[in-house]
C-alpha atoms as a PDB file:
ATOM      1  CA  UNK A   1      -1.879  -9.011  -8.757  1.00  0.00           C
ATOM      2  CA  UNK A   2      -0.472  -8.190  -5.267  1.00  0.00           C
ATOM      3  CA  UNK A   3       3.034  -9.679  -4.582  1.00  0.00           C
ATOM      4  CA  UNK A   4       4.706  -9.346  -1.225  1.00  0.00           C
ATOM      5  CA  UNK A   5       8.338  -8.173  -1.324  1.00  0.00           C
ATOM      6  CA  UNK A   6      11.160  -8.450   0.989  1.00  0.00           C
ATOM      7  CA  UNK A   7      11.634  -5.678   3.459  1.00  0.00           C
ATOM      8  CA  UNK A   8      14.488  -4.618   5.648  1.00  0.00           C
ATOM      9  CA  UNK A   9      12.257  -3.878   8.548  1.00  0.00           C
ATOM     10  CA  UNK A  10       9.532  -6.151  10.155  1.00  0.00           C
ATOM     11  CA  UNK A  11       7.283  -3.196  10.624  1.00  0.00           C
ATOM     12  CA  UNK A  12       7.387  -2.282   6.904  1.00  0.00           C
ATOM     13  CA  UNK A  13       5.302  -4.384   4.542  1.00  0.00           C
ATOM     14  CA  UNK A  14       6.351  -4.110   0.932  1.00  0.00           C
ATOM     15  CA  UNK A  15       4.117  -5.024  -2.042  1.00  0.00           C
ATOM     16  CA  UNK A  16       4.286  -4.888  -5.783  1.00  0.00           C
ATOM     17  CA  UNK A  17       0.836  -4.205  -7.250  1.00  0.00           C
ATOM     18  CA  UNK A  18       0.410  -4.841 -10.959  1.00  0.00           C
ATOM     19  CA  UNK A  19      -2.327  -5.263 -13.505  1.00  0.00           C
ATOM     20  CA  UNK A  20      -5.978  -5.017 -12.152  1.00  0.00           C
ATOM     21  CA  UNK A  21      -6.561  -5.992  -8.640  1.00  0.00           C
ATOM     22  CA  UNK A  22      -9.330  -8.459  -7.836  1.00  0.00           C
ATOM     23  CA  UNK A  23     -10.954  -9.838  -4.734  1.00  0.00           C
ATOM     24  CA  UNK A  24      -8.539 -12.781  -4.605  1.00  0.00           C
ATOM     25  CA  UNK A  25      -5.600 -10.379  -4.288  1.00  0.00           C
ATOM     26  CA  UNK A  26      -7.078  -9.043  -1.073  1.00  0.00           C
ATOM     27  CA  UNK A  27      -7.490 -12.523   0.428  1.00  0.00           C
ATOM     28  CA  UNK A  28      -3.678 -12.627   0.709  1.00  0.00           C
ATOM     29  CA  UNK A  29      -2.819  -9.062   1.182  1.00  0.00           C
ATOM     30  CA  UNK A  30      -5.124  -8.334   4.165  1.00  0.00           C
ATOM     31  CA  UNK A  31      -4.122 -11.278   6.212  1.00  0.00           C
ATOM     32  CA  UNK A  32      -0.468 -10.457   5.758  1.00  0.00           C
ATOM     33  CA  UNK A  33      -1.151  -6.881   7.015  1.00  0.00           C
ATOM     34  CA  UNK A  34      -3.236  -8.232   9.889  1.00  0.00           C
ATOM     35  CA  UNK A  35      -0.511 -10.656  10.940  1.00  0.00           C
ATOM     36  CA  UNK A  36       2.026  -7.928  11.003  1.00  0.00           C
ATOM     37  CA  UNK A  37      -0.205  -5.597  12.971  1.00  0.00           C
ATOM     38  CA  UNK A  38      -0.887  -8.390  15.507  1.00  0.00           C
ATOM     39  CA  UNK A  39       2.774  -9.070  15.887  1.00  0.00           C
ATOM     40  CA  UNK A  40       4.268  -5.591  15.804  1.00  0.00           C
ATOM     41  CA  UNK A  41       1.492  -3.035  16.374  1.00  0.00           C
ATOM     42  CA  UNK A  42       1.351  -0.176  13.923  1.00  0.00           C
ATOM     43  CA  UNK A  43       2.903  -0.939  10.515  1.00  0.00           C
ATOM     44  CA  UNK A  44       4.085   0.886   7.383  1.00  0.00           C
ATOM     45  CA  UNK A  45       3.305  -0.036   3.793  1.00  0.00           C
ATOM     46  CA  UNK A  46       5.453   0.390   0.751  1.00  0.00           C
ATOM     47  CA  UNK A  47       3.405  -0.160  -2.495  1.00  0.00           C
ATOM     48  CA  UNK A  48       5.224  -0.314  -5.818  1.00  0.00           C
ATOM     49  CA  UNK A  49       2.716   0.192  -8.640  1.00  0.00           C
ATOM     50  CA  UNK A  50       4.031  -1.579 -11.862  1.00  0.00           C
ATOM     51  CA  UNK A  51       1.731  -1.572 -14.957  1.00  0.00           C
ATOM     52  CA  UNK A  52      -1.051  -0.955 -12.630  1.00  0.00           C
ATOM     53  CA  UNK A  53      -4.571  -0.835 -13.948  1.00  0.00           C
ATOM     54  CA  UNK A  54      -6.735  -0.156 -10.864  1.00  0.00           C
ATOM     55  CA  UNK A  55      -9.351  -2.415  -9.288  1.00  0.00           C
ATOM     56  CA  UNK A  56     -12.357  -4.349 -10.494  1.00  0.00           C
ATOM     57  CA  UNK A  57     -15.584  -3.557  -8.667  1.00  0.00           C
ATOM     58  CA  UNK A  58     -15.217  -6.184  -5.966  1.00  0.00           C
ATOM     59  CA  UNK A  59     -11.638  -5.098  -5.221  1.00  0.00           C
ATOM     60  CA  UNK A  60     -12.812  -1.523  -4.883  1.00  0.00           C
ATOM     61  CA  UNK A  61     -15.052  -2.702  -2.071  1.00  0.00           C
ATOM     62  CA  UNK A  62     -12.264  -4.805  -0.544  1.00  0.00           C
ATOM     63  CA  UNK A  63      -9.905  -1.782  -0.619  1.00  0.00           C
ATOM     64  CA  UNK A  64     -12.634   0.437   0.924  1.00  0.00           C
ATOM     65  CA  UNK A  65     -13.214  -2.076   3.781  1.00  0.00           C
ATOM     66  CA  UNK A  66      -9.453  -2.327   4.307  1.00  0.00           C
ATOM     67  CA  UNK A  67      -8.906   1.323   4.476  1.00  0.00           C
ATOM     68  CA  UNK A  68     -11.760   1.855   6.988  1.00  0.00           C
ATOM     69  CA  UNK A  69     -10.770  -1.015   9.264  1.00  0.00           C
ATOM     70  CA  UNK A  70      -7.047  -0.273   9.229  1.00  0.00           C
ATOM     71  CA  UNK A  71      -6.962   3.500   9.145  1.00  0.00           C
ATOM     72  CA  UNK A  72      -5.379   3.829  12.619  1.00  0.00           C
ATOM     73  CA  UNK A  73      -3.050   0.875  12.430  1.00  0.00           C
ATOM     74  CA  UNK A  74      -0.907   2.063   9.515  1.00  0.00           C
ATOM     75  CA  UNK A  75       1.579   4.878  10.183  1.00  0.00           C
ATOM     76  CA  UNK A  76       2.849   5.525   6.717  1.00  0.00           C
ATOM     77  CA  UNK A  77       2.157   4.497   3.113  1.00  0.00           C
ATOM     78  CA  UNK A  78       4.699   5.027   0.320  1.00  0.00           C
ATOM     79  CA  UNK A  79       3.313   4.776  -3.079  1.00  0.00           C
ATOM     80  CA  UNK A  80       5.829   4.364  -5.972  1.00  0.00           C
ATOM     81  CA  UNK A  81       4.469   4.725  -9.449  1.00  0.00           C
ATOM     82  CA  UNK A  82       4.939   6.178 -12.830  1.00  0.00           C
ATOM     83  CA  UNK A  83       1.585   7.616 -13.918  1.00  0.00           C
ATOM     84  CA  UNK A  84      -0.089  10.963 -13.102  1.00  0.00           C
ATOM     85  CA  UNK A  85      -3.300   9.318 -11.904  1.00  0.00           C
ATOM     86  CA  UNK A  86      -1.371   7.200  -9.421  1.00  0.00           C
ATOM     87  CA  UNK A  87       0.137  10.440  -7.879  1.00  0.00           C
ATOM     88  CA  UNK A  88      -3.361  11.853  -7.829  1.00  0.00           C
ATOM     89  CA  UNK A  89      -4.636   8.723  -6.174  1.00  0.00           C
ATOM     90  CA  UNK A  90      -2.135   9.175  -3.338  1.00  0.00           C
ATOM     91  CA  UNK A  91      -3.464  12.629  -2.718  1.00  0.00           C
ATOM     92  CA  UNK A  92      -7.081  11.380  -2.732  1.00  0.00           C
ATOM     93  CA  UNK A  93      -6.245   8.688  -0.058  1.00  0.00           C
ATOM     94  CA  UNK A  94      -4.969  11.137   2.476  1.00  0.00           C
ATOM     95  CA  UNK A  95      -8.288  12.204   4.086  1.00  0.00           C
ATOM     96  CA  UNK A  96      -9.333   8.569   4.566  1.00  0.00           C
ATOM     97  CA  UNK A  97      -6.523   7.414   6.742  1.00  0.00           C
ATOM     98  CA  UNK A  98      -4.507   8.528   9.746  1.00  0.00           C
ATOM     99  CA  UNK A  99      -1.292   7.400   7.942  1.00  0.00           C
ATOM    100  CA  UNK A 100       1.061   9.742   6.346  1.00  0.00           C
ATOM    101  CA  UNK A 101       0.792   9.008   2.594  1.00  0.00           C
ATOM    102  CA  UNK A 102       3.511  10.090   0.103  1.00  0.00           C
ATOM    103  CA  UNK A 103       3.879   9.415  -3.577  1.00  0.00           C
ATOM    104  CA  UNK A 104       7.297   8.751  -5.248  1.00  0.00           C
ATOM    105  CA  UNK A 105       8.104   8.444  -8.872  1.00  0.00           C
ATOM    106  CA  UNK A 106       9.536   5.128  -9.965  1.00  0.00           C
ATOM    107  CA  UNK A 107      12.963   6.544 -10.419  1.00  0.00           C
ATOM    108  CA  UNK A 108      12.945   7.576  -6.665  1.00  0.00           C
ATOM    109  CA  UNK A 109      12.382   4.132  -5.176  1.00  0.00           C
ATOM    110  CA  UNK A 110      15.336   4.567  -2.936  1.00  0.00           C
ATOM    111  CA  UNK A 111      13.885   7.830  -1.589  1.00  0.00           C
ATOM    112  CA  UNK A 112      10.630   5.992  -0.878  1.00  0.00           C
ATOM    113  CA  UNK A 113      12.462   3.291   1.058  1.00  0.00           C
ATOM    114  CA  UNK A 114      14.447   5.883   3.045  1.00  0.00           C
ATOM    115  CA  UNK A 115      11.195   7.757   3.912  1.00  0.00           C
ATOM    116  CA  UNK A 116       9.187   4.641   4.875  1.00  0.00           C
ATOM    117  CA  UNK A 117      11.832   3.393   7.307  1.00  0.00           C
ATOM    118  CA  UNK A 118      12.737   6.627   8.896  1.00  0.00           C
END
């Protein structure tokens, strides 16, 4: 599930991602990002991973399409999680985007917010 969260800045989109992501999740996530890009130009994304279990196969394809079509429109991505594989995932993402990508542990959520809005 992808849930959009409140953000203190219109150019920062915040999301909580939990459970296993499905195609339906991307049908709300992608339009929200597209709308912000259309209104404000480049954006930043704060993604909080809570009890996150990855993607089903269709969502993997959705995520790949999203990354390739939005790779130059996103300035920064802050990933906040609590699992070693989530930190590893942040490192794997870096070569596939022009965005600065940084991982933060769940107990440093404030640090993630400070970094993403700076």
